[in-house]
Protein backbone atom coordinates (compact mmCIF):
# COMPACT_ATOMS: atom_id res chain seq x y z
CA MET A 1 0.00 0.00 0.00
CA GLY A 2 1.46 3.33 -1.10
CA GLY A 3 4.46 1.77 -2.84
CA MET A 4 4.87 4.20 -5.71
CA TRP A 5 5.74 7.73 -4.55
CA GLY A 6 9.49 8.13 -4.16
CA ILE A 7 10.33 4.40 -4.41
CA ASN A 8 8.77 3.36 -7.74
CA GLY A 9 7.76 -0.07 -6.50
CA ASP A 10 11.22 -1.07 -5.23
CA ASP A 11 9.87 -2.94 -2.20
CA ALA A 12 7.50 -4.92 -4.39
CA PHE A 13 10.34 -6.03 -6.65
CA VAL A 14 12.33 -7.10 -3.56
CA ALA A 15 9.36 -9.18 -2.38
CA GLU A 16 9.08 -10.80 -5.80
CA SER A 17 12.82 -11.59 -5.84
CA ALA A 18 12.47 -13.16 -2.38
CA GLY A 19 9.94 -15.65 -3.73
CA ALA A 20 6.52 -14.10 -3.11
CA THR A 21 3.95 -15.85 -5.29
CA ARG A 22 1.79 -12.76 -5.85
CA VAL A 23 2.87 -9.15 -5.33
CA VAL A 24 0.51 -6.20 -5.77
CA ILE A 25 1.16 -2.48 -5.39
CA CYS A 26 -1.86 -0.29 -4.63
CA ASP A 27 -1.53 3.48 -4.82
CA GLY A 28 -3.70 6.42 -5.75
CA MET A 29 -1.22 7.95 -8.19
CA ASP A 30 -0.47 6.86 -11.74
CA PRO A 31 2.34 4.29 -12.05
CA THR A 32 5.63 6.08 -12.65
CA ASP A 33 7.67 5.67 -15.83
CA GLU A 34 10.52 4.24 -13.77
CA PHE A 35 8.25 1.57 -12.30
CA GLN A 36 6.95 0.63 -15.74
CA ARG A 37 10.48 0.46 -17.16
CA THR A 38 11.78 -1.67 -14.28
CA ARG A 39 8.85 -4.05 -14.57
CA ARG A 40 9.57 -4.55 -18.29
CA GLU A 41 13.31 -4.99 -17.79
CA ARG A 42 12.79 -7.59 -15.06
CA SER A 43 9.92 -9.34 -16.87
CA SER A 44 8.20 -8.82 -13.53
CA ARG A 45 4.76 -10.11 -12.62
CA VAL A 46 4.21 -7.39 -10.01
CA GLU A 47 0.66 -6.08 -10.42
CA TYR A 48 -0.38 -2.45 -10.09
CA VAL A 49 -3.84 -1.51 -8.82
CA GLN A 50 -4.69 2.18 -8.81
CA GLY A 51 -7.09 2.71 -5.96
CA ASP A 52 -7.87 4.25 -2.59
CA LEU A 53 -7.50 2.35 0.69
CA HIS A 54 -10.57 4.22 2.00
CA ASP A 55 -12.65 2.60 -0.74
CA PRO A 56 -14.29 -0.76 0.12
CA GLY A 57 -14.35 -1.53 -3.60
CA THR A 58 -10.57 -1.23 -3.79
CA VAL A 59 -10.15 -3.48 -0.75
CA GLU A 60 -12.47 -6.09 -2.25
CA ARG A 61 -10.61 -5.98 -5.57
CA LEU A 62 -7.23 -6.49 -3.90
CA GLY A 63 -8.23 -9.55 -1.89
CA ALA A 64 -6.19 -10.92 1.01
CA PHE A 65 -2.43 -11.37 1.50
CA ASP A 66 -0.12 -13.17 3.89
CA VAL A 67 1.97 -10.01 4.27
CA VAL A 68 0.84 -6.40 3.81
CA TRP A 69 3.39 -3.56 3.69
CA CYS A 70 2.12 -0.01 4.30
CA MET A 71 4.49 2.91 4.77
CA GLY A 72 3.76 6.63 4.95
CA VAL A 73 0.02 6.40 4.31
CA LEU A 74 -1.96 6.89 7.55
CA TYR A 75 -1.09 10.54 8.10
CA HIS A 76 -2.33 11.46 4.60
CA SER A 77 -5.84 10.34 5.57
CA PRO A 78 -8.67 12.21 7.32
CA ASP A 79 -9.72 8.79 8.69
CA PRO A 80 -6.62 6.79 9.70
CA TYR A 81 -8.56 4.28 11.80
CA ARG A 82 -10.72 3.34 8.80
CA LEU A 83 -7.52 2.65 6.87
CA ILE A 84 -6.26 0.34 9.61
CA GLU A 85 -9.58 -1.54 9.56
CA HIS A 86 -9.20 -1.97 5.82
CA LEU A 87 -5.59 -3.11 6.25
CA ARG A 88 -6.95 -5.80 8.59
CA LEU A 89 -9.32 -7.00 5.84
CA LEU A 90 -6.33 -7.33 3.52
CA THR A 91 -4.05 -9.08 6.04
CA THR A 92 -4.24 -12.78 6.87
CA GLU A 93 -0.96 -12.97 8.79
CA THR A 94 1.46 -10.03 9.03
CA LEU A 95 1.24 -6.25 8.66
CA ILE A 96 4.37 -4.13 8.32
CA LEU A 97 3.35 -0.56 9.09
CA GLY A 98 5.48 2.57 9.03
CA ASN A 99 4.36 6.06 9.92
CA ARG A 100 5.66 9.47 10.89
CA VAL A 101 4.79 10.20 14.51
CA ILE A 102 4.78 13.02 17.03
CA PRO A 103 6.05 12.82 20.64
CA GLU A 104 3.81 11.33 23.29
CA VAL A 105 1.81 13.80 25.37
CA PRO A 106 2.68 13.22 29.05
CA GLY A 107 -0.24 11.70 30.91
CA ILE A 108 -2.44 11.27 27.80
CA ASP A 109 -2.13 7.97 25.96
CA GLY A 110 -3.38 7.94 22.37
CA ALA A 111 -3.10 11.68 21.79
CA CYS A 112 -3.35 13.01 18.23
CA VAL A 113 -3.09 16.44 16.58
CA PHE A 114 -5.49 17.49 13.81
CA TYR A 115 -3.16 19.44 11.56
CA PRO A 116 -5.76 21.52 9.64
CA ALA A 117 -6.72 23.16 12.95
CA MET A 118 -3.20 24.29 13.84
CA SER A 119 -2.19 27.93 14.00
CA ALA A 120 0.81 29.35 12.18
CA SER A 121 2.78 29.43 15.43
CA SER A 122 2.03 25.75 16.07
CA ARG A 123 3.21 24.90 12.57
CA ARG A 124 6.47 26.71 13.23
CA ALA A 125 6.97 24.54 16.32
CA PHE A 126 6.36 21.39 14.29
CA ALA A 127 8.73 22.64 11.61
CA TRP A 128 11.47 22.92 14.24
CA MET A 129 10.77 19.35 15.40
CA HIS A 130 11.00 17.91 11.88
CA GLY A 131 14.15 19.82 10.95
CA ARG A 132 15.27 19.91 7.33
CA GLU A 133 12.32 17.74 6.23
CA ALA A 134 9.83 20.38 7.38
CA PRO A 135 9.21 22.00 3.96
CA GLU A 136 8.09 18.60 2.63
CA LEU A 137 5.21 18.17 5.12
CA PRO A 138 2.23 20.14 3.74
CA GLY A 139 -0.50 20.65 6.28
CA ALA A 140 1.76 19.87 9.23
CA THR A 141 4.51 22.45 8.90
CA THR A 142 3.16 24.54 6.01
CA PRO A 143 -0.41 25.76 5.36
CA PHE A 144 -2.98 23.07 4.57
CA ASP A 145 -3.58 22.75 0.82
CA ARG A 146 -7.33 23.15 0.25
CA THR A 147 -7.29 22.41 -3.49
CA PRO A 148 -10.49 20.45 -4.29
CA ALA A 149 -10.00 16.67 -4.56
CA MET A 150 -6.29 17.00 -3.70
CA GLY A 151 -6.57 16.65 0.08
CA TYR A 152 -4.42 13.52 0.30
CA VAL A 153 -1.27 15.52 -0.48
CA ASN A 154 -1.58 16.94 3.04
CA TYR A 155 -0.62 15.59 6.43
CA TRP A 156 -3.95 15.39 8.31
CA TRP A 157 -3.00 13.87 11.67
CA GLY A 158 -0.03 13.93 13.97
CA LEU A 159 -0.26 10.48 15.55
CA THR A 160 1.59 9.43 18.69
CA PRO A 161 3.02 5.90 18.87
CA SER A 162 0.45 5.00 21.54
CA ALA A 163 -2.39 6.15 19.27
CA ILE A 164 -1.20 3.92 16.44
CA VAL A 165 -0.74 0.93 18.75
CA GLY A 166 -4.22 1.52 20.18
CA MET A 167 -5.77 1.64 16.72
CA LEU A 168 -4.03 -1.58 15.74
CA ASP A 169 -5.29 -3.32 18.87
CA LEU A 170 -8.88 -2.20 18.25
CA ALA A 171 -8.66 -3.32 14.61
CA ARG A 172 -7.58 -6.85 15.66
CA PHE A 173 -3.82 -6.65 15.31
CA GLU A 174 -1.25 -7.76 17.88
CA VAL A 175 2.03 -5.83 17.85
CA VAL A 176 4.96 -8.25 17.55
CA GLU A 177 7.85 -5.81 17.13
CA ARG A 178 8.24 -2.07 17.01
CA PHE A 179 11.15 0.11 15.97
CA GLN A 180 11.60 3.84 16.38
CA PRO A 181 14.84 4.65 14.53
CA GLU A 182 14.24 8.37 15.04
CA PRO A 183 11.86 10.43 17.21
CA THR A 184 9.54 11.18 14.28
CA GLY A 185 9.48 7.69 12.73
CA LEU A 186 7.81 4.46 13.86
CA GLU A 187 7.80 1.01 12.25
CA ILE A 188 5.65 -1.84 13.52
CA VAL A 189 5.33 -5.53 12.72
CA ALA A 190 1.87 -6.75 13.73
CA ARG A 191 0.04 -10.06 13.57
CA ALA A 192 -3.61 -10.36 12.53
CA VAL A 193 -5.69 -11.93 15.31
CA PRO A 194 -9.25 -13.34 15.18
CA GLY A 195 -12.27 -11.18 15.86
CA GLU A 196 -15.01 -9.11 14.25
CA PRO A 197 -14.81 -5.40 13.35
CA VAL A 198 -16.21 -2.98 15.92
CA VAL A 199 -17.11 -0.46 13.19
CA PRO A 200 -20.14 -1.41 11.05
CA GLU A 201 -19.92 -1.47 7.28
CA LEU A 202 -20.65 1.92 5.70
CA ASP A 203 -24.03 0.82 4.34
CA PHE A 204 -25.15 -1.06 7.48
CA SER A 205 -27.61 1.54 8.78
CA ARG A 206 -29.07 2.21 5.33
CA ARG A 207 -29.61 -1.50 4.68
CA ARG A 208 -31.13 -1.94 8.15
CA GLY A 209 -33.53 0.94 7.53
CA GLU A 210 -34.54 -0.39 4.12
CA LEU A 211 -35.22 -3.82 5.61
CA ARG A 212 -37.32 -2.33 8.42
CA ASN A 213 -39.33 -0.20 6.00
CA ARG A 214 -40.07 -3.21 3.82
CA SER A 215 -41.25 -5.22 6.82
CA LEU A 216 -43.64 -2.39 7.84
CA SER A 217 -45.10 -1.86 4.38
């Protein structure tokens, strides 16, 4: 998930070389020329699905995988928990999740920051924390880009490590390993565990209402 921007499918080609029987990249952007060229040169069977992890139709089209790799995606979403629920639908065994994080808030587990609500002074503080990478974080350290239909270019949420771990737990993942190579980066290996989603499907209430209305008519 999200294996195109900046890496041109490199991780997918590594997985294929390691013996994976089916490898699929899903991203919202068009496949890059470099990815297309590498796939031809390697005679690769890596598939590319252009889609949105928020979209149940995309999740259904992708199917299920032993291993799901997702790096740098959650903070681009207005609904990161929904994405984790959808990652659980895709994952039969192992999720490898990487995300930019903010420091824990003392005394408040699971804290998050909604970047579109931040003031200019708050953004300057976040820019200091992220150092030389700050200009590359729209919405978090620079003004939120409100261009219609282009909202995913922004950083929407500053997530603490405890918030991400809590979301994984609620979505039926067990954290196996976690690495924090730098204060603003977190990588997690998680195992899918049995259970049913706590969040109903998006059309649940509508279908329930239609069924009730038919029974009363």
